[in-house]
Protein backbone atom coordinates (compact mmCIF):
# COMPACT_ATOMS: atom_id res chain seq x y z
CA MET A 1 -40.52 3.12 -21.14
CA THR A 2 -43.75 2.97 -22.83
CA PRO A 3 -44.94 1.74 -26.50
CA ASN A 4 -45.06 5.52 -27.20
CA GLU A 5 -41.57 6.11 -26.60
CA VAL A 6 -40.55 2.98 -28.70
CA ILE A 7 -42.39 4.49 -31.74
CA THR A 8 -41.09 7.62 -31.58
CA GLU A 9 -37.66 6.76 -31.74
CA GLY A 10 -38.57 3.82 -34.27
CA ARG A 11 -40.39 6.64 -36.68
CA ARG A 12 -37.01 8.26 -36.76
CA LEU A 13 -35.42 5.19 -37.73
CA ILE A 14 -37.83 4.46 -40.44
CA GLN A 15 -38.22 8.10 -41.56
CA ASP A 16 -41.68 8.16 -40.94
CA THR A 17 -41.75 11.50 -38.70
CA ARG A 18 -43.75 13.76 -41.15
CA THR A 19 -47.65 13.84 -41.13
CA PRO A 20 -49.52 12.24 -42.85
CA PHE A 21 -47.34 9.03 -41.35
CA ARG A 22 -46.72 6.02 -43.47
CA TYR A 23 -47.61 3.86 -40.49
CA SER A 24 -50.36 4.74 -37.89
CA ASP A 25 -49.72 4.86 -34.04
CA THR A 26 -52.13 1.51 -34.33
CA VAL A 27 -50.02 -0.31 -36.43
CA LEU A 28 -46.74 0.56 -34.85
CA LEU A 29 -48.43 -0.13 -31.20
CA GLY A 30 -49.01 -3.84 -32.68
CA PHE A 31 -45.77 -4.09 -33.80
CA VAL A 32 -44.39 -3.18 -30.44
CA ASN A 33 -46.74 -5.84 -28.88
CA GLN A 34 -45.63 -8.65 -31.15
CA THR A 35 -41.78 -7.87 -30.66
CA ILE A 36 -42.55 -8.13 -26.86
CA LYS A 37 -44.23 -11.43 -27.64
CA ARG A 38 -41.05 -12.43 -29.46
CA MET A 39 -38.80 -11.56 -26.61
CA VAL A 40 -40.60 -13.59 -24.44
CA ILE A 41 -40.12 -16.76 -26.50
CA LEU A 42 -36.20 -15.75 -26.92
CA ARG A 43 -35.42 -14.16 -23.14
CA PRO A 44 -38.12 -15.94 -20.95
CA ASP A 45 -35.87 -14.68 -17.99
CA LEU A 46 -37.04 -11.31 -18.47
CA PHE A 47 -40.67 -12.26 -17.95
CA THR A 48 -40.71 -14.02 -14.75
CA VAL A 49 -43.15 -13.40 -11.85
CA ILE A 50 -43.15 -14.98 -8.23
CA ALA A 51 -46.73 -15.44 -7.34
CA ASP A 52 -49.11 -17.60 -4.97
CA VAL A 53 -50.31 -20.43 -6.99
CA PRO A 54 -53.02 -22.38 -5.50
CA THR A 55 -53.53 -26.14 -5.83
CA VAL A 56 -56.28 -28.51 -6.57
CA ALA A 57 -56.92 -30.50 -3.79
CA ASN A 58 -56.59 -34.73 -4.00
CA THR A 59 -54.45 -34.59 -6.85
CA VAL A 60 -50.75 -35.08 -7.61
CA ILE A 61 -50.87 -33.24 -11.11
CA GLN A 62 -50.76 -29.36 -10.78
CA SER A 63 -51.37 -26.42 -13.22
CA LEU A 64 -49.74 -23.16 -13.21
CA PRO A 65 -52.06 -19.89 -13.88
CA SER A 66 -53.54 -19.74 -17.55
CA ASP A 67 -51.17 -16.53 -18.10
CA SER A 68 -47.98 -18.84 -17.65
CA VAL A 69 -45.44 -19.95 -20.44
CA ARG A 70 -43.61 -22.25 -18.37
CA LEU A 71 -42.32 -23.03 -14.72
CA VAL A 72 -39.48 -21.80 -13.20
CA GLU A 73 -39.36 -22.48 -9.74
CA ILE A 74 -41.52 -23.91 -6.90
CA PHE A 75 -39.98 -22.11 -3.64
CA SER A 76 -42.47 -23.09 -0.92
CA VAL A 77 -45.73 -23.75 0.25
CA LYS A 78 -47.29 -20.19 1.18
CA ASP A 79 -46.46 -19.57 5.04
CA GLY A 80 -44.75 -22.73 5.47
CA ALA A 81 -41.91 -24.77 4.53
CA ALA A 82 -39.70 -25.28 1.22
CA VAL A 83 -40.96 -27.55 -1.55
CA ILE A 84 -37.90 -29.37 -2.62
CA GLU A 85 -37.68 -30.56 -6.40
CA VAL A 86 -37.03 -34.02 -6.98
CA SER A 87 -36.68 -36.74 -10.08
CA ARG A 88 -39.81 -38.45 -10.90
CA ASP A 89 -37.85 -41.55 -11.93
CA VAL A 90 -36.27 -41.44 -8.19
CA ILE A 91 -39.43 -40.97 -6.60
CA ASP A 92 -41.27 -43.60 -8.70
CA GLN A 93 -38.68 -46.27 -7.63
CA THR A 94 -38.26 -45.31 -4.14
CA THR A 95 -41.91 -44.66 -3.53
CA PRO A 96 -43.85 -46.49 -5.89
CA ASP A 97 -47.34 -45.79 -4.05
CA TRP A 98 -46.32 -42.17 -3.89
CA THR A 99 -49.29 -40.93 -6.01
CA GLY A 100 -51.94 -42.61 -3.60
CA THR A 101 -50.53 -41.46 -0.48
CA PRO A 102 -53.30 -39.56 1.75
CA PRO A 103 -53.38 -35.88 1.10
CA ASP A 104 -51.11 -33.54 3.18
CA VAL A 105 -48.80 -30.44 2.80
CA PRO A 106 -46.46 -31.10 -0.39
CA VAL A 107 -42.91 -31.74 0.34
CA ASN A 108 -41.59 -32.26 -3.36
CA PHE A 109 -42.53 -31.22 -6.71
CA MET A 110 -41.50 -32.52 -10.12
CA ARG A 111 -41.36 -31.19 -13.59
CA HIS A 112 -43.59 -32.45 -15.97
CA PRO A 113 -41.57 -33.77 -19.12
CA ARG A 114 -43.98 -32.87 -21.79
CA ASN A 115 -45.99 -29.79 -20.70
CA PRO A 116 -44.09 -26.80 -18.91
CA ASN A 117 -47.02 -25.46 -17.20
CA ARG A 118 -47.66 -28.38 -15.20
CA PHE A 119 -45.88 -30.01 -12.37
CA PHE A 120 -46.47 -32.79 -10.16
CA VAL A 121 -46.29 -32.77 -5.92
CA TYR A 122 -45.98 -35.08 -3.12
CA PRO A 123 -47.63 -35.59 -1.30
CA ARG A 124 -50.95 -34.66 -3.19
CA PRO A 125 -52.51 -31.67 -1.25
CA ARG A 126 -55.37 -31.16 0.96
CA THR A 127 -57.75 -28.63 0.31
CA GLY A 128 -56.49 -24.82 0.53
CA VAL A 129 -52.61 -25.31 0.25
CA GLU A 130 -51.24 -22.74 -2.03
CA LEU A 131 -47.42 -22.63 -3.32
CA VAL A 132 -45.23 -19.95 -3.57
CA ALA A 133 -43.89 -20.60 -7.50
CA GLU A 134 -41.82 -18.27 -10.00
CA TYR A 135 -42.98 -18.81 -13.86
CA VAL A 136 -42.67 -17.00 -16.82
CA GLN A 137 -45.66 -14.84 -17.26
CA SER A 138 -46.97 -14.15 -21.00
CA PRO A 139 -47.09 -10.44 -21.58
CA GLY A 140 -50.57 -8.64 -21.93
CA VAL A 141 -51.42 -6.29 -24.79
CA TYR A 142 -50.00 -2.84 -24.25
CA ASP A 143 -51.42 0.54 -24.75
CA LEU A 144 -49.23 3.42 -26.29
CA ASN A 145 -48.96 5.31 -22.60
CA ASP A 146 -48.42 1.82 -20.62
CA SER A 147 -45.54 1.18 -18.63
CA ILE A 148 -43.68 -1.76 -20.06
CA GLY A 149 -42.34 -4.10 -17.58
CA LEU A 150 -38.84 -4.48 -18.83
CA PRO A 151 -35.45 -2.63 -17.64
CA ASP A 152 -34.72 0.39 -19.83
CA ALA A 153 -31.22 -1.09 -20.87
CA TYR A 154 -33.79 -2.99 -23.35
CA PHE A 155 -35.43 -0.24 -25.13
CA SER A 156 -33.02 -0.11 -28.04
CA VAL A 157 -34.07 -4.00 -28.19
CA LEU A 158 -37.62 -2.95 -28.57
CA VAL A 159 -36.78 -0.22 -31.15
CA ASP A 160 -34.83 -2.85 -33.42
CA GLY A 161 -37.52 -5.43 -33.20
CA THR A 162 -40.25 -2.89 -34.04
CA VAL A 163 -38.40 -1.39 -36.96
CA PHE A 164 -37.75 -4.96 -38.04
CA LEU A 165 -41.58 -5.53 -38.43
CA ALA A 166 -42.15 -2.34 -39.96
CA GLU A 167 -39.50 -2.62 -42.43
CA SER A 168 -40.38 -6.21 -43.06
CA VAL A 169 -43.85 -4.70 -44.65
CA ASP A 170 -42.32 -2.83 -47.13
CA ASN A 171 -40.56 -5.16 -49.91
CA GLU A 172 -37.89 -2.25 -50.95
CA HIS A 173 -36.76 -2.57 -47.44
CA VAL A 174 -36.75 -6.21 -47.17
CA ASN A 175 -35.04 -6.20 -50.85
CA SER A 176 -32.27 -3.51 -49.56
CA GLY A 177 -31.47 -5.38 -46.28
CA ARG A 178 -32.68 -3.08 -43.70
CA ALA A 179 -35.20 -5.40 -42.50
CA LYS A 180 -32.63 -8.23 -41.79
CA LEU A 181 -30.23 -5.74 -40.35
CA PHE A 182 -32.48 -4.70 -37.65
CA GLN A 183 -33.79 -8.26 -37.19
CA GLU A 184 -30.27 -9.33 -36.44
CA SER A 185 -29.65 -6.59 -34.17
CA PHE A 186 -32.60 -7.42 -32.08
CA VAL A 187 -32.12 -11.14 -31.93
CA GLN A 188 -28.00 -10.22 -31.00
CA GLN A 189 -28.88 -7.80 -28.39
CA LEU A 190 -31.10 -10.33 -26.62
CA GLY A 191 -28.32 -13.12 -26.96
CA VAL A 192 -25.18 -10.80 -25.75
CA ALA A 193 -27.31 -9.85 -22.60
CA LEU A 194 -28.05 -13.55 -21.79
CA GLN A 195 -24.32 -14.33 -22.15
CA SER A 196 -23.54 -11.41 -19.98
CA ARG A 197 -25.66 -12.80 -17.48
CA ALA A 198 -24.57 -16.21 -17.61
CA LEU A 199 -20.70 -14.46 -16.83
CA ILE A 200 -22.08 -12.38 -13.83
CA ASP A 201 -24.57 -14.75 -12.26
CA ASN A 202 -22.73 -18.14 -12.35
CA GLU A 203 -21.84 -18.14 -8.47
CA GLU A 204 -23.93 -19.96 -5.87
CA GLY A 205 -23.19 -19.75 -1.96
CA SER A 206 -20.71 -22.47 -0.89
CA GLY A 207 -20.70 -21.43 2.67
CA LYS A 208 -22.41 -23.15 5.54
CA PRO A 209 -25.85 -21.43 6.93
CA ALA A 210 -25.33 -19.43 9.65
CA GLN A 211 -26.15 -20.58 13.14
CA ARG A 212 -28.45 -18.68 15.16
CA GLY A 213 -27.76 -17.99 18.92
CA GLY A 214 -24.58 -19.02 20.80
């Protein structure tokens, strides 16, 4: 799926298929990129990546990469043990001096309550520690023939969002309700997809881990 494919379908819906076009490819490409950025706010789960995140040594406060929108999960130390999420309130009560313990390999992390791109680790990391983390990545700016990193099932969502922005430029289409129609379709499709995911992905393993050997 490329922006060019989205634009081609969008032109059919806004009846802009004959040259000279009312909207240039450059303008419609801008609408496609704006739609994708709207999607990351409405459906951040579609834009997650798992990556190695370097830590800053000797400090408990850590930051995600600059392209991050928000933290999803920290899984482990790279090539090491799991890093377990804990409540900061609990660790403040049980280990009041946790921020001053000697640097080592982190075993716990806590979310920053006021900044989704920052988190705390305990103990503070020694030099060279990297974490394996999942976070929501802000999408880049796509060119016409770039591959959009979304499932093809979201093609119609991108088209509706792009058409909404194109129709919003024209007062006639705003007044006629066409822009609102495509906006509602855009938002509704994202919401329905999220509800379906909740229905399908709501089970966690409940059995005991398998025992090796024997």
